Amino acid sequence: MNKGELIEAVQKNLGKDTSKAAAEAAVNAVFDTITKNVKKAPVQIIGFGTFAKVKRAARNGINPKTKEPIKIKASTSVKFKPGAKLKAAV
């Protein structure tokens, strides 16, 4: 499912009175809120899961094309841990 399909599903779930623009605004609002807040602290949606910021340490790797060793810089990423209801549904 891509973002467009998600917007259509949200529109159907909210009912015929909801426009596609309103459904898109709702989806974008949720994504924006998660994006802004995960920088500060984990975002936990009970039953769905938790988005958390994680720091990755610098490490050594191997260039798969040339097989030469390379240094990979430290970085920050986001980890998602599914909740119990999501695990049960899958």
C-alpha atoms as a PDB file:
ATOM      1  CA  MET A   1       0.000   0.000   0.000  1.00  0.00           C
ATOM      2  CA  ASN A   2       1.354   3.416  -0.911  1.00  0.00           C
ATOM      3  CA  LYS A   3       0.373   6.826   0.459  1.00  0.00           C
ATOM      4  CA  GLY A   4      -2.317   7.393  -2.188  1.00  0.00           C
ATOM      5  CA  GLU A   5      -3.946   4.064  -1.399  1.00  0.00           C
ATOM      6  CA  LEU A   6      -3.775   4.864   2.316  1.00  0.00           C
ATOM      7  CA  ILE A   7      -5.545   8.174   1.718  1.00  0.00           C
ATOM      8  CA  GLU A   8      -8.302   6.409  -0.230  1.00  0.00           C
ATOM      9  CA  ALA A   9      -8.700   3.813   2.542  1.00  0.00           C
ATOM     10  CA  VAL A  10      -8.960   6.544   5.183  1.00  0.00           C
ATOM     11  CA  GLN A  11     -11.555   8.352   3.061  1.00  0.00           C
ATOM     12  CA  LYS A  12     -13.659   5.178   2.756  1.00  0.00           C
ATOM     13  CA  ASN A  13     -13.287   4.464   6.475  1.00  0.00           C
ATOM     14  CA  LEU A  14     -14.459   7.977   7.425  1.00  0.00           C
ATOM     15  CA  GLY A  15     -17.516   7.782   5.180  1.00  0.00           C
ATOM     16  CA  LYS A  16     -18.902   9.321   2.025  1.00  0.00           C
ATOM     17  CA  ASP A  17     -19.141  12.804   3.561  1.00  0.00           C
ATOM     18  CA  THR A  18     -15.350  13.019   3.794  1.00  0.00           C
ATOM     19  CA  SER A  19     -13.520  14.473   0.804  1.00  0.00           C
ATOM     20  CA  LYS A  20     -10.273  13.106  -0.527  1.00  0.00           C
ATOM     21  CA  ALA A  21      -8.587  16.402   0.416  1.00  0.00           C
ATOM     22  CA  ALA A  22      -9.764  16.049   4.022  1.00  0.00           C
ATOM     23  CA  ALA A  23      -8.527  12.451   4.183  1.00  0.00           C
ATOM     24  CA  GLU A  24      -5.163  13.523   2.743  1.00  0.00           C
ATOM     25  CA  ALA A  25      -4.931  16.346   5.296  1.00  0.00           C
ATOM     26  CA  ALA A  26      -5.639  13.873   8.115  1.00  0.00           C
ATOM     27  CA  VAL A  27      -2.980  11.401   6.909  1.00  0.00           C
ATOM     28  CA  ASN A  28      -0.430  14.188   6.447  1.00  0.00           C
ATOM     29  CA  ALA A  29      -1.219  15.580   9.916  1.00  0.00           C
ATOM     30  CA  VAL A  30      -0.542  12.192  11.515  1.00  0.00           C
ATOM     31  CA  PHE A  31       2.744  11.749   9.613  1.00  0.00           C
ATOM     32  CA  ASP A  32       3.882  15.303  10.399  1.00  0.00           C
ATOM     33  CA  THR A  33       3.059  14.937  14.085  1.00  0.00           C
ATOM     34  CA  ILE A  34       4.971  11.664  14.376  1.00  0.00           C
ATOM     35  CA  THR A  35       7.937  13.126  12.472  1.00  0.00           C
ATOM     36  CA  LYS A  36       8.151  16.251  14.659  1.00  0.00           C
ATOM     37  CA  ASN A  37       7.713  14.462  17.976  1.00  0.00           C
ATOM     38  CA  VAL A  38       9.932  11.413  17.441  1.00  0.00           C
ATOM     39  CA  LYS A  39      12.928  13.791  17.522  1.00  0.00           C
ATOM     40  CA  LYS A  40      12.130  14.620  21.165  1.00  0.00           C
ATOM     41  CA  ALA A  41      10.819  11.344  22.587  1.00  0.00           C
ATOM     42  CA  PRO A  42       9.375   8.010  21.462  1.00  0.00           C
ATOM     43  CA  VAL A  43       5.895   8.199  19.926  1.00  0.00           C
ATOM     44  CA  GLN A  44       3.759   5.363  21.291  1.00  0.00           C
ATOM     45  CA  ILE A  45       0.416   4.500  19.726  1.00  0.00           C
ATOM     46  CA  ILE A  46      -1.166   1.917  21.996  1.00  0.00           C
ATOM     47  CA  GLY A  47      -2.030  -1.249  20.095  1.00  0.00           C
ATOM     48  CA  PHE A  48      -0.207  -0.116  16.937  1.00  0.00           C
ATOM     49  CA  GLY A  49       3.407   0.416  17.911  1.00  0.00           C
ATOM     50  CA  THR A  50       6.190   2.744  18.954  1.00  0.00           C
ATOM     51  CA  PHE A  51       8.411   4.976  16.840  1.00  0.00           C
ATOM     52  CA  ALA A  52      11.740   5.759  18.522  1.00  0.00           C
ATOM     53  CA  LYS A  53      14.896   7.625  17.574  1.00  0.00           C
ATOM     54  CA  VAL A  54      18.027   5.463  17.664  1.00  0.00           C
ATOM     55  CA  LYS A  55      21.678   6.392  17.336  1.00  0.00           C
ATOM     56  CA  ARG A  56      23.934   4.201  15.238  1.00  0.00           C
ATOM     57  CA  ALA A  57      27.612   4.204  16.106  1.00  0.00           C
ATOM     58  CA  ALA A  58      30.323   4.654  13.517  1.00  0.00           C
ATOM     59  CA  ARG A  59      31.508   1.334  12.137  1.00  0.00           C
ATOM     60  CA  ASN A  60      33.576  -0.317   9.465  1.00  0.00           C
ATOM     61  CA  GLY A  61      31.931  -1.808   6.411  1.00  0.00           C
ATOM     62  CA  ILE A  62      32.830  -3.277   3.034  1.00  0.00           C
ATOM     63  CA  ASN A  63      32.049  -1.751  -0.337  1.00  0.00           C
ATOM     64  CA  PRO A  64      30.125  -4.590  -2.043  1.00  0.00           C
ATOM     65  CA  LYS A  65      31.332  -3.566  -5.495  1.00  0.00           C
ATOM     66  CA  THR A  66      35.071  -3.196  -4.842  1.00  0.00           C
ATOM     67  CA  LYS A  67      35.312  -5.284  -1.633  1.00  0.00           C
ATOM     68  CA  GLU A  68      37.385  -2.479  -0.077  1.00  0.00           C
ATOM     69  CA  PRO A  69      36.885  -1.565   3.582  1.00  0.00           C
ATOM     70  CA  ILE A  70      35.081   1.719   4.207  1.00  0.00           C
ATOM     71  CA  LYS A  71      34.209   3.759   7.285  1.00  0.00           C
ATOM     72  CA  ILE A  72      30.500   4.345   7.887  1.00  0.00           C
ATOM     73  CA  LYS A  73      29.741   7.524   9.844  1.00  0.00           C
ATOM     74  CA  ALA A  74      27.591   7.583  12.969  1.00  0.00           C
ATOM     75  CA  SER A  75      23.961   8.417  12.226  1.00  0.00           C
ATOM     76  CA  THR A  76      20.518   8.817  13.728  1.00  0.00           C
ATOM     77  CA  SER A  77      17.579   6.796  12.464  1.00  0.00           C
ATOM     78  CA  VAL A  78      14.048   5.792  13.466  1.00  0.00           C
ATOM     79  CA  LYS A  79      13.066   2.352  14.749  1.00  0.00           C
ATOM     80  CA  PHE A  80       9.511   0.998  14.773  1.00  0.00           C
ATOM     81  CA  LYS A  81       8.438  -1.641  17.270  1.00  0.00           C
ATOM     82  CA  PRO A  82       4.990  -3.095  16.505  1.00  0.00           C
ATOM     83  CA  GLY A  83       2.399  -3.281  19.280  1.00  0.00           C
ATOM     84  CA  ALA A  84       0.531  -6.366  20.438  1.00  0.00           C
ATOM     85  CA  LYS A  85      -2.632  -5.737  18.392  1.00  0.00           C
ATOM     86  CA  LEU A  86      -0.628  -5.185  15.207  1.00  0.00           C
ATOM     87  CA  LYS A  87       1.389  -8.363  15.806  1.00  0.00           C
ATOM     88  CA  ALA A  88      -1.800 -10.336  16.393  1.00  0.00           C
ATOM     89  CA  ALA A  89      -3.400  -8.972  13.223  1.00  0.00           C
ATOM     90  CA  VAL A  90      -0.472 -10.067  11.076  1.00  0.00           C
END
